[in-house]
Protein backbone atom coordinates (compact mmCIF):
# COMPACT_ATOMS: atom_id res chain seq x y z
CA MET A 1 13.55 0.83 -26.13
CA SER A 2 11.77 0.90 -22.80
CA ILE A 3 10.29 -1.69 -20.48
CA SER A 4 6.83 -0.53 -21.55
CA ASP A 5 7.69 -1.73 -25.09
CA VAL A 6 8.52 -5.17 -23.70
CA LEU A 7 5.31 -5.28 -21.65
CA HIS A 8 3.31 -4.21 -24.69
CA GLY A 9 4.46 -7.37 -26.44
CA LYS A 10 4.35 -9.85 -23.55
CA GLY A 11 1.46 -8.50 -21.51
CA HIS A 12 1.01 -7.10 -18.03
CA GLN A 13 -0.06 -10.28 -16.21
CA VAL A 14 1.70 -10.97 -12.91
CA ALA A 15 1.23 -14.22 -11.01
CA LYS A 16 0.96 -13.71 -7.26
CA VAL A 17 0.89 -15.73 -4.06
CA ARG A 18 0.37 -14.73 -0.43
CA THR A 19 3.08 -14.75 2.23
CA THR A 20 1.11 -17.44 4.08
CA ASP A 21 0.76 -19.76 1.08
CA SER A 22 2.85 -22.91 1.23
CA VAL A 23 5.98 -23.29 -0.84
CA GLU A 24 4.31 -26.31 -2.41
CA SER A 25 1.38 -24.24 -3.70
CA ALA A 26 3.74 -21.55 -5.01
CA VAL A 27 5.83 -24.16 -6.83
CA ARG A 28 2.66 -25.65 -8.28
CA LYS A 29 1.71 -22.20 -9.62
CA LEU A 30 5.14 -21.79 -11.20
CA SER A 31 4.78 -25.17 -12.88
CA GLU A 32 1.18 -24.72 -14.04
CA GLN A 33 1.83 -21.29 -15.53
CA HIS A 34 5.29 -22.17 -16.94
CA ILE A 35 6.90 -19.20 -15.22
CA GLY A 36 9.99 -18.72 -13.11
CA ALA A 37 8.76 -16.36 -10.38
CA VAL A 38 5.69 -15.04 -8.58
CA VAL A 39 5.27 -11.80 -6.66
CA VAL A 40 4.44 -12.36 -2.99
CA GLU A 41 1.74 -10.23 -1.32
CA ASP A 42 1.19 -9.72 2.39
CA GLN A 43 -2.18 -9.73 4.15
CA TRP A 44 -2.79 -6.11 3.08
CA MET A 45 -2.15 -7.06 -0.58
CA HIS A 46 1.11 -5.09 -0.64
CA ASP A 47 4.07 -6.48 -2.54
CA ALA A 48 6.27 -8.15 0.08
CA GLY A 49 8.81 -10.00 -2.03
CA ILE A 50 9.33 -12.43 -4.86
CA PHE A 51 9.49 -16.21 -4.92
CA SER A 52 11.47 -17.79 -7.73
CA GLU A 53 12.75 -21.17 -8.80
CA ARG A 54 16.07 -20.18 -7.27
CA ASP A 55 14.42 -19.50 -3.88
CA PHE A 56 12.86 -22.96 -4.05
CA LEU A 57 16.21 -24.61 -4.80
CA HIS A 58 17.86 -22.82 -1.86
CA ALA A 59 15.00 -23.88 0.45
CA VAL A 60 15.19 -27.52 -0.62
CA ALA A 61 18.98 -27.54 -0.31
CA GLU A 62 18.66 -26.22 3.25
CA LYS A 63 15.49 -27.95 4.52
CA GLY A 64 14.96 -30.89 2.17
CA ALA A 65 11.40 -32.02 1.47
CA LYS A 66 10.23 -30.13 4.58
CA ALA A 67 10.64 -26.92 2.55
CA LEU A 68 7.38 -27.70 0.71
CA ALA A 69 5.35 -27.16 3.88
CA LEU A 70 6.97 -23.82 4.78
CA PRO A 71 5.14 -20.55 4.21
CA VAL A 72 6.46 -18.62 1.22
CA LYS A 73 7.46 -15.72 3.50
CA ASP A 74 10.17 -17.94 5.00
CA VAL A 75 11.95 -18.51 1.69
CA MET A 76 11.06 -15.56 -0.58
CA SER A 77 13.52 -12.88 -1.63
CA ALA A 78 12.86 -9.46 -0.13
CA PRO A 79 12.83 -6.54 -0.48
CA LEU A 80 11.71 -6.39 -4.10
CA VAL A 81 14.13 -5.04 -6.66
CA THR A 82 11.97 -3.27 -9.24
CA CYS A 83 12.09 -1.08 -12.31
CA LYS A 84 9.71 1.42 -13.94
CA SER A 85 7.98 0.99 -17.28
CA THR A 86 9.86 4.07 -18.51
CA ASP A 87 13.26 2.51 -17.76
CA ARG A 88 15.39 1.50 -20.72
CA VAL A 89 15.81 -2.21 -21.41
CA GLU A 90 19.58 -1.83 -20.97
CA THR A 91 19.08 -0.27 -17.53
CA ALA A 92 16.82 -3.13 -16.45
CA MET A 93 19.36 -5.68 -17.70
CA ALA A 94 22.11 -3.92 -15.76
CA THR A 95 19.94 -3.90 -12.61
CA MET A 96 19.28 -7.63 -12.97
CA THR A 97 22.96 -8.37 -13.51
CA ALA A 98 24.06 -6.28 -10.52
CA ALA A 99 21.43 -7.84 -8.22
CA LYS A 100 21.99 -11.36 -9.66
CA ILE A 101 18.29 -11.82 -10.33
CA ARG A 102 16.33 -13.03 -13.35
CA HIS A 103 12.90 -11.46 -12.72
CA LEU A 104 12.13 -7.78 -12.30
CA PRO A 105 8.71 -6.52 -11.23
CA VAL A 106 7.66 -3.30 -12.98
CA VAL A 107 6.21 -0.68 -10.62
CA ASP A 108 4.77 2.68 -11.67
CA ASN A 109 3.48 5.16 -9.08
CA GLY A 110 3.47 2.46 -6.41
CA GLN A 111 1.40 0.05 -8.56
CA LEU A 112 2.66 -3.28 -9.91
CA VAL A 113 2.08 -3.10 -13.68
CA GLY A 114 4.00 -6.13 -14.91
CA ILE A 115 7.07 -8.29 -14.57
CA VAL A 116 9.94 -8.95 -16.97
CA SER A 117 12.45 -11.76 -17.01
CA ILE A 118 15.95 -11.70 -18.40
CA GLY A 119 14.62 -13.98 -21.14
CA ASP A 120 11.95 -11.40 -22.05
CA LEU A 121 14.59 -8.69 -22.33
CA VAL A 122 17.01 -10.78 -24.37
CA LYS A 123 14.20 -11.83 -26.73
CA TYR A 124 13.12 -8.21 -27.16
CA ARG A 125 16.69 -7.14 -27.94
CA LEU A 126 17.14 -9.96 -30.46
CA ASP A 127 13.82 -9.11 -32.14
CA GLN A 128 14.91 -5.47 -32.40
CA LYS A 129 18.26 -6.50 -33.93
CA ASP A 130 16.45 -8.73 -36.47
CA LEU A 131 14.18 -5.84 -37.39
CA GLU A 132 17.14 -3.48 -37.80
CA ALA A 133 18.93 -6.02 -40.01
CA SER A 134 15.82 -6.44 -42.20
CA VAL A 135 15.44 -2.69 -42.63
CA LEU A 136 19.11 -2.32 -43.57
CA LEU A 137 18.81 -5.17 -46.09
CA ASP A 138 15.73 -3.56 -47.62
CA ILE A 139 17.52 -0.22 -47.90
CA ALA A 140 20.54 -1.89 -49.50
CA ARG A 141 18.29 -3.65 -52.02
CA LEU A 142 16.60 -0.36 -52.93
CA HIS A 143 19.95 1.29 -53.62
CA ALA A 144 21.38 -1.67 -55.55
C-alpha cells in the first residue's frame, strides 16, 4: 500500500496560496474548499511551506484579529515535510506522527504531485481492512 494508491482514490489536486497572500484569504480558501491545509508558493512558484488550520490558530493566539492581515509567509510552517508517492502508507503515517503534522505534500522528482492528510491515510487503511475482511468472509463461505 503506497501513497500513490491513496492519491489514485482521492486525486492529485493541491490547493495553493502565495507567500504574500493574506492570512484571511488563505483561511477563506481553507473554508471554501473544506480542507485543512494549503501549500504556500513563493514568487518563483516554488514550494515555500504549508499553511494549516493549526498555523492559523497559533497566529490568532499570538496576534489576535490582526493575524488576518498578516502575509501567509509570517505564519506558515516551513520547511515542508514531504513524502514520495512510492512511500508506504505506514511510513507516511510515521513521518506525520514524528513531525506532529496532519498534512503531507507528496513530491516526486522535485514536483508536487499531491497532498495527503492523516484522515486520508486512516480512511485508506480502514477501507483496506474492510476489503480484507470481505475477502476472508467470502473464502470462508466457499469452504463451508
